[in-house]
C-alpha atoms as a PDB file:
ATOM      1  CA  UNK A   1     168.496  69.898  96.484  1.00  0.00           C
ATOM      2  CA  UNK A   2     171.312  72.207  97.418  1.00  0.00           C
ATOM      3  CA  UNK A   3     170.529  75.774  98.608  1.00  0.00           C
ATOM      4  CA  UNK A   4     173.048  78.517  97.840  1.00  0.00           C
ATOM      5  CA  UNK A   5     174.717  80.500 100.568  1.00  0.00           C
ATOM      6  CA  UNK A   6     172.978  83.704  99.315  1.00  0.00           C
ATOM      7  CA  UNK A   7     169.552  82.084  99.706  1.00  0.00           C
ATOM      8  CA  UNK A   8     170.409  80.975 103.254  1.00  0.00           C
ATOM      9  CA  UNK A   9     171.323  84.580 104.127  1.00  0.00           C
ATOM     10  CA  UNK A  10     168.001  85.922 102.774  1.00  0.00           C
ATOM     11  CA  UNK A  11     166.024  83.305 104.721  1.00  0.00           C
ATOM     12  CA  UNK A  12     167.917  84.128 107.922  1.00  0.00           C
ATOM     13  CA  UNK A  13     167.279  87.874 107.536  1.00  0.00           C
ATOM     14  CA  UNK A  14     163.546  87.242 107.013  1.00  0.00           C
ATOM     15  CA  UNK A  15     163.338  85.035 110.100  1.00  0.00           C
ATOM     16  CA  UNK A  16     165.152  87.565 112.302  1.00  0.00           C
ATOM     17  CA  UNK A  17     162.938  90.394 111.073  1.00  0.00           C
ATOM     18  CA  UNK A  18     159.811  88.356 111.823  1.00  0.00           C
ATOM     19  CA  UNK A  19     160.989  87.499 115.332  1.00  0.00           C
ATOM     20  CA  UNK A  20     161.787  91.160 116.075  1.00  0.00           C
ATOM     21  CA  UNK A  21     158.341  92.289 114.920  1.00  0.00           C
ATOM     22  CA  UNK A  22     156.722  89.575 117.084  1.00  0.00           C
ATOM     23  CA  UNK A  23     158.729  90.600 120.156  1.00  0.00           C
ATOM     24  CA  UNK A  24     157.871  94.306 119.681  1.00  0.00           C
ATOM     25  CA  UNK A  25     154.155  93.458 119.458  1.00  0.00           C
ATOM     26  CA  UNK A  26     154.371  91.169 122.528  1.00  0.00           C
ATOM     27  CA  UNK A  27     156.184  93.857 124.523  1.00  0.00           C
ATOM     28  CA  UNK A  28     153.572  96.490 123.588  1.00  0.00           C
ATOM     29  CA  UNK A  29     150.721  94.211 124.628  1.00  0.00           C
ATOM     30  CA  UNK A  30     152.435  93.476 127.926  1.00  0.00           C
ATOM     31  CA  UNK A  31     152.487  97.231 128.655  1.00  0.00           C
ATOM     32  CA  UNK A  32     148.833  97.586 127.714  1.00  0.00           C
ATOM     33  CA  UNK A  33     149.566  99.331 124.441  1.00  0.00           C
ATOM     34  CA  UNK A  34     148.022  98.476 121.113  1.00  0.00           C
ATOM     35  CA  UNK A  35     150.421  97.432 118.375  1.00  0.00           C
ATOM     36  CA  UNK A  36     151.365 100.209 115.960  1.00  0.00           C
ATOM     37  CA  UNK A  37     148.757 100.526 113.243  1.00  0.00           C
ATOM     38  CA  UNK A  38     149.526 100.805 109.570  1.00  0.00           C
ATOM     39  CA  UNK A  39     149.776 104.402 108.287  1.00  0.00           C
ATOM     40  CA  UNK A  40     146.326 105.830 107.559  1.00  0.00           C
ATOM     41  CA  UNK A  41     145.385 106.698 104.012  1.00  0.00           C
ATOM     42  CA  UNK A  42     145.506 110.452 103.322  1.00  0.00           C
ATOM     43  CA  UNK A  43     142.226 112.254 103.894  1.00  0.00           C
ATOM     44  CA  UNK A  44     140.422 113.325 100.724  1.00  0.00           C
ATOM     45  CA  UNK A  45     140.952 116.965  99.734  1.00  0.00           C
ATOM     46  CA  UNK A  46     138.272 119.400 100.849  1.00  0.00           C
ATOM     47  CA  UNK A  47     135.964 120.436  98.013  1.00  0.00           C
ATOM     48  CA  UNK A  48     136.688 123.810  96.423  1.00  0.00           C
ATOM     49  CA  UNK A  49     134.612 126.720  97.698  1.00  0.00           C
ATOM     50  CA  UNK A  50     131.451 127.424  95.693  1.00  0.00           C
ATOM     51  CA  UNK A  51     130.139 130.968  95.990  1.00  0.00           C
ATOM     52  CA  UNK A  52     126.440 131.766  96.478  1.00  0.00           C
ATOM     53  CA  UNK A  53     124.582 132.346  93.223  1.00  0.00           C
ATOM     54  CA  UNK A  54     122.921 135.397  91.711  1.00  0.00           C
ATOM     55  CA  UNK A  55     119.480 135.157  90.126  1.00  0.00           C
ATOM     56  CA  UNK A  56     121.028 134.076  86.805  1.00  0.00           C
ATOM     57  CA  UNK A  57     123.059 131.307  88.453  1.00  0.00           C
ATOM     58  CA  UNK A  58     126.490 132.986  88.354  1.00  0.00           C
ATOM     59  CA  UNK A  59     128.898 133.226  91.342  1.00  0.00           C
ATOM     60  CA  UNK A  60     127.865 136.184  93.475  1.00  0.00           C
ATOM     61  CA  UNK A  61     130.853 138.527  93.839  1.00  0.00           C
ATOM     62  CA  UNK A  62     128.826 141.547  94.952  1.00  0.00           C
ATOM     63  CA  UNK A  63     130.368 143.505  97.783  1.00  0.00           C
ATOM     64  CA  UNK A  64     132.972 146.038  98.852  1.00  0.00           C
ATOM     65  CA  UNK A  65     136.534 144.719  98.628  1.00  0.00           C
ATOM     66  CA  UNK A  66     140.009 145.901  99.567  1.00  0.00           C
ATOM     67  CA  UNK A  67     143.565 144.576  99.525  1.00  0.00           C
ATOM     68  CA  UNK A  68     145.734 144.023 102.567  1.00  0.00           C
ATOM     69  CA  UNK A  69     149.196 144.255 101.015  1.00  0.00           C
ATOM     70  CA  UNK A  70     151.986 146.666 100.099  1.00  0.00           C
ATOM     71  CA  UNK A  71     151.527 146.215  96.337  1.00  0.00           C
ATOM     72  CA  UNK A  72     150.704 149.886  95.726  1.00  0.00           C
ATOM     73  CA  UNK A  73     154.139 150.846  97.059  1.00  0.00           C
ATOM     74  CA  UNK A  74     155.993 148.245  94.981  1.00  0.00           C
ATOM     75  CA  UNK A  75     154.802 145.083  93.224  1.00  0.00           C
ATOM     76  CA  UNK A  76     158.205 143.457  93.671  1.00  0.00           C
ATOM     77  CA  UNK A  77     159.702 142.302  97.008  1.00  0.00           C
ATOM     78  CA  UNK A  78     161.177 145.304  98.834  1.00  0.00           C
ATOM     79  CA  UNK A  79     162.566 146.407 102.188  1.00  0.00           C
ATOM     80  CA  UNK A  80     161.320 149.304 104.287  1.00  0.00           C
ATOM     81  CA  UNK A  81     162.781 152.601 103.089  1.00  0.00           C
ATOM     82  CA  UNK A  82     162.768 156.352 103.603  1.00  0.00           C
ATOM     83  CA  UNK A  83     159.998 158.151 101.727  1.00  0.00           C
ATOM     84  CA  UNK A  84     160.583 160.922  99.164  1.00  0.00           C
ATOM     85  CA  UNK A  85     159.756 163.714 101.657  1.00  0.00           C
ATOM     86  CA  UNK A  86     162.301 163.591 104.457  1.00  0.00           C
ATOM     87  CA  UNK A  87     160.423 166.158 106.546  1.00  0.00           C
ATOM     88  CA  UNK A  88     157.510 163.721 106.923  1.00  0.00           C
ATOM     89  CA  UNK A  89     159.732 161.146 108.609  1.00  0.00           C
ATOM     90  CA  UNK A  90     158.012 157.801 109.042  1.00  0.00           C
ATOM     91  CA  UNK A  91     154.631 159.145 107.940  1.00  0.00           C
ATOM     92  CA  UNK A  92     155.473 158.800 104.245  1.00  0.00           C
ATOM     93  CA  UNK A  93     158.012 155.992 104.533  1.00  0.00           C
ATOM     94  CA  UNK A  94     157.791 152.807 102.458  1.00  0.00           C
ATOM     95  CA  UNK A  95     156.554 149.693 104.304  1.00  0.00           C
ATOM     96  CA  UNK A  96     158.313 146.395 103.497  1.00  0.00           C
ATOM     97  CA  UNK A  97     156.520 143.930 101.247  1.00  0.00           C
ATOM     98  CA  UNK A  98     156.991 140.317 100.163  1.00  0.00           C
ATOM     99  CA  UNK A  99     155.896 141.157  96.617  1.00  0.00           C
ATOM    100  CA  UNK A 100     153.032 139.921  94.454  1.00  0.00           C
ATOM    101  CA  UNK A 101     154.859 139.201  91.178  1.00  0.00           C
ATOM    102  CA  UNK A 102     155.079 135.552  90.181  1.00  0.00           C
ATOM    103  CA  UNK A 103     158.804 134.770  90.146  1.00  0.00           C
ATOM    104  CA  UNK A 104     159.621 137.952  92.077  1.00  0.00           C
ATOM    105  CA  UNK A 105     160.884 140.188  89.265  1.00  0.00           C
ATOM    106  CA  UNK A 106     159.132 142.128  86.510  1.00  0.00           C
ATOM    107  CA  UNK A 107     160.757 141.120  83.173  1.00  0.00           C
ATOM    108  CA  UNK A 108     161.665 144.547  81.789  1.00  0.00           C
ATOM    109  CA  UNK A 109     163.519 145.134  78.571  1.00  0.00           C
ATOM    110  CA  UNK A 110     166.854 146.825  79.271  1.00  0.00           C
ATOM    111  CA  UNK A 111     165.823 150.274  78.046  1.00  0.00           C
ATOM    112  CA  UNK A 112     162.470 150.028  79.838  1.00  0.00           C
ATOM    113  CA  UNK A 113     164.190 149.164  83.134  1.00  0.00           C
ATOM    114  CA  UNK A 114     166.226 152.367  82.833  1.00  0.00           C
ATOM    115  CA  UNK A 115     162.975 154.308  82.420  1.00  0.00           C
ATOM    116  CA  UNK A 116     161.510 152.594  85.493  1.00  0.00           C
ATOM    117  CA  UNK A 117     164.508 153.702  87.567  1.00  0.00           C
ATOM    118  CA  UNK A 118     164.088 157.256  86.268  1.00  0.00           C
ATOM    119  CA  UNK A 119     160.419 157.159  87.247  1.00  0.00           C
ATOM    120  CA  UNK A 120     161.365 156.187  90.788  1.00  0.00           C
ATOM    121  CA  UNK A 121     163.830 159.044  91.137  1.00  0.00           C
ATOM    122  CA  UNK A 122     161.183 161.552  89.982  1.00  0.00           C
ATOM    123  CA  UNK A 123     158.174 159.889  91.629  1.00  0.00           C
ATOM    124  CA  UNK A 124     157.314 162.846  93.835  1.00  0.00           C
ATOM    125  CA  UNK A 125     156.624 164.834  90.679  1.00  0.00           C
ATOM    126  CA  UNK A 126     155.518 162.230  88.127  1.00  0.00           C
ATOM    127  CA  UNK A 127     153.591 159.462  89.907  1.00  0.00           C
ATOM    128  CA  UNK A 128     150.046 159.671  88.470  1.00  0.00           C
ATOM    129  CA  UNK A 129     148.640 158.972  91.942  1.00  0.00           C
ATOM    130  CA  UNK A 130     150.055 162.297  93.186  1.00  0.00           C
ATOM    131  CA  UNK A 131     148.164 164.037  90.377  1.00  0.00           C
ATOM    132  CA  UNK A 132     144.873 162.317  91.309  1.00  0.00           C
ATOM    133  CA  UNK A 133     144.739 160.545  87.960  1.00  0.00           C
ATOM    134  CA  UNK A 134     142.616 157.394  87.920  1.00  0.00           C
ATOM    135  CA  UNK A 135     144.670 154.357  88.916  1.00  0.00           C
ATOM    136  CA  UNK A 136     144.107 152.308  85.766  1.00  0.00           C
ATOM    137  CA  UNK A 137     144.122 148.518  85.552  1.00  0.00           C
ATOM    138  CA  UNK A 138     145.349 146.628  87.485  1.00  0.00           C
ATOM    139  CA  UNK A 139     146.540 149.304  89.973  1.00  0.00           C
ATOM    140  CA  UNK A 140     143.042 150.472  90.970  1.00  0.00           C
ATOM    141  CA  UNK A 141     142.401 147.015  92.430  1.00  0.00           C
ATOM    142  CA  UNK A 142     145.260 147.102  94.938  1.00  0.00           C
ATOM    143  CA  UNK A 143     145.464 150.775  95.867  1.00  0.00           C
ATOM    144  CA  UNK A 144     144.814 151.146  99.619  1.00  0.00           C
ATOM    145  CA  UNK A 145     141.184 152.147  99.076  1.00  0.00           C
ATOM    146  CA  UNK A 146     138.034 150.014  98.799  1.00  0.00           C
ATOM    147  CA  UNK A 147     136.116 149.333  95.595  1.00  0.00           C
ATOM    148  CA  UNK A 148     132.679 147.888  94.994  1.00  0.00           C
ATOM    149  CA  UNK A 149     131.497 145.161  92.623  1.00  0.00           C
ATOM    150  CA  UNK A 150     127.915 145.632  91.469  1.00  0.00           C
ATOM    151  CA  UNK A 151     126.913 142.564  89.507  1.00  0.00           C
ATOM    152  CA  UNK A 152     124.264 142.492  86.780  1.00  0.00           C
ATOM    153  CA  UNK A 153     123.508 139.979  84.054  1.00  0.00           C
ATOM    154  CA  UNK A 154     124.669 141.812  80.927  1.00  0.00           C
ATOM    155  CA  UNK A 155     127.184 144.087  82.668  1.00  0.00           C
ATOM    156  CA  UNK A 156     129.189 144.297  85.890  1.00  0.00           C
ATOM    157  CA  UNK A 157     130.188 147.634  87.385  1.00  0.00           C
ATOM    158  CA  UNK A 158     133.257 148.278  89.511  1.00  0.00           C
ATOM    159  CA  UNK A 159     133.273 151.559  91.433  1.00  0.00           C
ATOM    160  CA  UNK A 160     136.553 152.693  93.039  1.00  0.00           C
ATOM    161  CA  UNK A 161     136.849 155.121  95.922  1.00  0.00           C
ATOM    162  CA  UNK A 162     140.075 156.751  94.699  1.00  0.00           C
ATOM    163  CA  UNK A 163     139.369 159.555  92.218  1.00  0.00           C
ATOM    164  CA  UNK A 164     135.801 158.285  91.698  1.00  0.00           C
ATOM    165  CA  UNK A 165     136.938 155.861  88.994  1.00  0.00           C
ATOM    166  CA  UNK A 166     134.369 153.499  87.460  1.00  0.00           C
ATOM    167  CA  UNK A 167     134.561 150.511  85.106  1.00  0.00           C
ATOM    168  CA  UNK A 168     131.717 148.845  83.245  1.00  0.00           C
ATOM    169  CA  UNK A 169     132.493 145.249  82.238  1.00  0.00           C
ATOM    170  CA  UNK A 170     130.648 144.025  79.182  1.00  0.00           C
ATOM    171  CA  UNK A 171     129.487 140.430  79.782  1.00  0.00           C
ATOM    172  CA  UNK A 172     127.982 139.986  76.310  1.00  0.00           C
ATOM    173  CA  UNK A 173     129.696 139.624  72.954  1.00  0.00           C
ATOM    174  CA  UNK A 174     133.203 141.079  73.120  1.00  0.00           C
ATOM    175  CA  UNK A 175     133.608 144.552  71.616  1.00  0.00           C
ATOM    176  CA  UNK A 176     136.644 146.657  70.734  1.00  0.00           C
ATOM    177  CA  UNK A 177     137.764 149.762  72.590  1.00  0.00           C
ATOM    178  CA  UNK A 178     136.684 152.929  70.760  1.00  0.00           C
ATOM    179  CA  UNK A 179     139.734 154.774  72.118  1.00  0.00           C
ATOM    180  CA  UNK A 180     142.387 154.508  74.795  1.00  0.00           C
ATOM    181  CA  UNK A 181     141.405 155.600  78.316  1.00  0.00           C
ATOM    182  CA  UNK A 182     142.574 155.543  81.931  1.00  0.00           C
ATOM    183  CA  UNK A 183     140.506 152.502  82.936  1.00  0.00           C
ATOM    184  CA  UNK A 184     140.563 150.763  79.563  1.00  0.00           C
ATOM    185  CA  UNK A 185     137.888 148.681  77.850  1.00  0.00           C
ATOM    186  CA  UNK A 186     136.697 145.552  79.652  1.00  0.00           C
ATOM    187  CA  UNK A 187     135.081 142.430  78.192  1.00  0.00           C
ATOM    188  CA  UNK A 188     134.161 139.747  80.729  1.00  0.00           C
ATOM    189  CA  UNK A 189     133.190 136.088  80.761  1.00  0.00           C
ATOM    190  CA  UNK A 190     132.694 133.315  83.310  1.00  0.00           C
ATOM    191  CA  UNK A 191     134.977 130.291  83.513  1.00  0.00           C
ATOM    192  CA  UNK A 192     133.292 128.155  86.152  1.00  0.00           C
ATOM    193  CA  UNK A 193     133.729 129.944  89.478  1.00  0.00           C
ATOM    194  CA  UNK A 194     136.016 132.609  88.006  1.00  0.00           C
ATOM    195  CA  UNK A 195     135.177 135.994  86.512  1.00  0.00           C
ATOM    196  CA  UNK A 196     137.673 136.633  83.700  1.00  0.00           C
ATOM    197  CA  UNK A 197     138.056 140.191  82.384  1.00  0.00           C
ATOM    198  CA  UNK A 198     140.035 141.007  79.244  1.00  0.00           C
ATOM    199  CA  UNK A 199     141.180 144.637  79.387  1.00  0.00           C
ATOM    200  CA  UNK A 200     142.482 146.560  76.371  1.00  0.00           C
ATOM    201  CA  UNK A 201     142.465 150.204  75.273  1.00  0.00           C
ATOM    202  CA  UNK A 202     144.586 151.396  78.210  1.00  0.00           C
ATOM    203  CA  UNK A 203     146.560 154.610  77.794  1.00  0.00           C
ATOM    204  CA  UNK A 204     150.192 154.944  78.884  1.00  0.00           C
ATOM    205  CA  UNK A 205     149.535 157.526  81.631  1.00  0.00           C
ATOM    206  CA  UNK A 206     149.234 155.161  84.602  1.00  0.00           C
ATOM    207  CA  UNK A 207     151.856 153.355  86.671  1.00  0.00           C
ATOM    208  CA  UNK A 208     151.646 149.995  88.404  1.00  0.00           C
ATOM    209  CA  UNK A 209     152.859 151.354  91.772  1.00  0.00           C
ATOM    210  CA  UNK A 210     154.755 154.110  93.584  1.00  0.00           C
ATOM    211  CA  UNK A 211     158.083 152.472  92.714  1.00  0.00           C
ATOM    212  CA  UNK A 212     157.846 153.693  89.119  1.00  0.00           C
ATOM    213  CA  UNK A 213     156.873 150.382  87.517  1.00  0.00           C
ATOM    214  CA  UNK A 214     155.103 151.381  84.328  1.00  0.00           C
ATOM    215  CA  UNK A 215     153.813 150.283  80.912  1.00  0.00           C
ATOM    216  CA  UNK A 216     153.190 151.567  77.395  1.00  0.00           C
ATOM    217  CA  UNK A 217     149.973 152.025  75.425  1.00  0.00           C
ATOM    218  CA  UNK A 218     150.343 148.398  74.269  1.00  0.00           C
ATOM    219  CA  UNK A 219     149.311 147.113  77.710  1.00  0.00           C
ATOM    220  CA  UNK A 220     146.939 144.147  77.720  1.00  0.00           C
ATOM    221  CA  UNK A 221     145.642 142.805  81.052  1.00  0.00           C
ATOM    222  CA  UNK A 222     143.644 139.641  81.739  1.00  0.00           C
ATOM    223  CA  UNK A 223     142.154 139.645  85.252  1.00  0.00           C
ATOM    224  CA  UNK A 224     140.714 136.696  87.179  1.00  0.00           C
ATOM    225  CA  UNK A 225     138.449 137.064  90.240  1.00  0.00           C
ATOM    226  CA  UNK A 226     137.663 133.825  92.115  1.00  0.00           C
ATOM    227  CA  UNK A 227     135.754 133.542  95.388  1.00  0.00           C
ATOM    228  CA  UNK A 228     137.745 131.364  97.807  1.00  0.00           C
ATOM    229  CA  UNK A 229     135.543 131.924 100.886  1.00  0.00           C
ATOM    230  CA  UNK A 230     132.518 133.990 101.873  1.00  0.00           C
ATOM    231  CA  UNK A 231     134.687 137.051 102.530  1.00  0.00           C
ATOM    232  CA  UNK A 232     137.749 136.660 100.279  1.00  0.00           C
ATOM    233  CA  UNK A 233     138.442 136.702  96.556  1.00  0.00           C
ATOM    234  CA  UNK A 234     141.643 135.638  94.853  1.00  0.00           C
ATOM    235  CA  UNK A 235     142.738 138.264  92.342  1.00  0.00           C
ATOM    236  CA  UNK A 236     145.131 137.431  89.518  1.00  0.00           C
ATOM    237  CA  UNK A 237     146.256 139.564  86.588  1.00  0.00           C
ATOM    238  CA  UNK A 238     148.372 138.516  83.623  1.00  0.00           C
ATOM    239  CA  UNK A 239     150.169 141.501  82.097  1.00  0.00           C
ATOM    240  CA  UNK A 240     151.419 141.700  78.532  1.00  0.00           C
ATOM    241  CA  UNK A 241     153.184 144.655  76.902  1.00  0.00           C
ATOM    242  CA  UNK A 242     155.695 143.772  74.167  1.00  0.00           C
ATOM    243  CA  UNK A 243     157.000 147.344  74.053  1.00  0.00           C
ATOM    244  CA  UNK A 244     158.089 147.224  77.687  1.00  0.00           C
ATOM    245  CA  UNK A 245     158.514 143.608  78.833  1.00  0.00           C
ATOM    246  CA  UNK A 246     160.325 140.574  77.449  1.00  0.00           C
ATOM    247  CA  UNK A 247     157.389 138.263  78.209  1.00  0.00           C
ATOM    248  CA  UNK A 248     153.964 138.248  79.903  1.00  0.00           C
ATOM    249  CA  UNK A 249     154.030 138.204  83.714  1.00  0.00           C
ATOM    250  CA  UNK A 250     151.536 137.690  86.497  1.00  0.00           C
ATOM    251  CA  UNK A 251     150.535 139.138  89.855  1.00  0.00           C
ATOM    252  CA  UNK A 252     148.190 137.614  92.446  1.00  0.00           C
ATOM    253  CA  UNK A 253     146.809 138.584  95.856  1.00  0.00           C
ATOM    254  CA  UNK A 254     143.712 138.092  98.008  1.00  0.00           C
ATOM    255  CA  UNK A 255     140.974 140.707  98.269  1.00  0.00           C
ATOM    256  CA  UNK A 256     139.030 141.019 101.517  1.00  0.00           C
ATOM    257  CA  UNK A 257     135.392 141.940 101.974  1.00  0.00           C
ATOM    258  CA  UNK A 258     134.634 145.020 104.071  1.00  0.00           C
ATOM    259  CA  UNK A 259     132.198 143.601 106.591  1.00  0.00           C
ATOM    260  CA  UNK A 260     131.358 146.649 108.700  1.00  0.00           C
ATOM    261  CA  UNK A 261     127.618 147.040 109.181  1.00  0.00           C
ATOM    262  CA  UNK A 262     127.606 150.349 107.282  1.00  0.00           C
ATOM    263  CA  UNK A 263     130.392 149.575 104.787  1.00  0.00           C
ATOM    264  CA  UNK A 264     130.167 151.808 101.726  1.00  0.00           C
ATOM    265  CA  UNK A 265     132.255 153.565  99.103  1.00  0.00           C
ATOM    266  CA  UNK A 266     132.856 157.098 100.341  1.00  0.00           C
ATOM    267  CA  UNK A 267     133.457 160.158  98.164  1.00  0.00           C
ATOM    268  CA  UNK A 268     137.176 160.749  97.610  1.00  0.00           C
ATOM    269  CA  UNK A 269     137.445 163.460  94.981  1.00  0.00           C
ATOM    270  CA  UNK A 270     141.143 164.180  95.290  1.00  0.00           C
ATOM    271  CA  UNK A 271     141.554 166.614  92.372  1.00  0.00           C
ATOM    272  CA  UNK A 272     141.529 169.674  94.642  1.00  0.00           C
ATOM    273  CA  UNK A 273     144.306 168.127  96.733  1.00  0.00           C
ATOM    274  CA  UNK A 274     146.493 167.894  93.623  1.00  0.00           C
ATOM    275  CA  UNK A 275     145.999 171.459  92.352  1.00  0.00           C
ATOM    276  CA  UNK A 276     149.105 172.857  94.037  1.00  0.00           C
ATOM    277  CA  UNK A 277     151.262 169.962  92.811  1.00  0.00           C
ATOM    278  CA  UNK A 278     149.986 170.369  89.252  1.00  0.00           C
ATOM    279  CA  UNK A 279     149.495 174.094  88.836  1.00  0.00           C
ATOM    280  CA  UNK A 280     151.289 175.833  91.697  1.00  0.00           C
ATOM    281  CA  UNK A 281     154.146 176.855  89.420  1.00  0.00           C
ATOM    282  CA  UNK A 282     151.694 178.819  87.251  1.00  0.00           C
ATOM    283  CA  UNK A 283     150.523 181.088  90.070  1.00  0.00           C
ATOM    284  CA  UNK A 284     151.404 184.757  89.561  1.00  0.00           C
ATOM    285  CA  UNK A 285     153.538 186.413  92.189  1.00  0.00           C
ATOM    286  CA  UNK A 286     151.416 188.721  94.360  1.00  0.00           C
ATOM    287  CA  UNK A 287     151.727 192.391  93.502  1.00  0.00           C
ATOM    288  CA  UNK A 288     153.471 194.318  96.262  1.00  0.00           C
ATOM    289  CA  UNK A 289     151.254 196.901  97.889  1.00  0.00           C
ATOM    290  CA  UNK A 290     151.965 200.621  97.862  1.00  0.00           C
ATOM    291  CA  UNK A 291     154.215 201.320 100.829  1.00  0.00           C
ATOM    292  CA  UNK A 292     153.568 205.061 100.844  1.00  0.00           C
END
């Protein structure tokens, strides 16, 4: 039987490769080294975190939580910048942030983007935070102030330090908002380890951040809170507003538990701090005294 030249070449290559492997193993043994082992199989993935349970068997999210990000200054990626009050120097400057928007950019309609830019230029006068208005949803979650989750069976309460805002999340049959409001109308449900809150009935008086990102009264927010460790939650919010944006978009960030021994929500009634900004222009000029 005749063997083709190509077959001879393949046999020769196999023989040479075998001899080289044998010599490498022999050399390693001569130096007291074990031959190289085959690559190990990848380790199995660690199981997902499972939060402690409440009395009714649901994930226990009770606690005082706070963000550690620059989202309240600007949801999108941004560089450090001078603040709107030059006299305050660095004290009111804008810290840089990597952004929390999935994809990096909020998908504004063209005319809505122009309004956002106008908001930024007039932010010292028009940002609702300056007026001590409640932060709304989702902004109240990532303002630089703590908030508390108080978990019941039929309802869950969220109490925010800024402006004393409060939300009550209905965990029963979903109901419709009776009217628009600052904090909206919240219907919640559990999806495994995740608390999902569907928020409607939001007015158009809140902003998303100090950069002027805003919405209309058609805003619809779906929030997701998932415990990822004993002291962190992952927060996600999907935002839909067909009057303002070309498509729904999403933000996400971790929330951290305040673990101080005496951690608590303090009173921060800021309305009196905003009186001059809101009503100073209405003050009557003082009457000049009689100089006689």
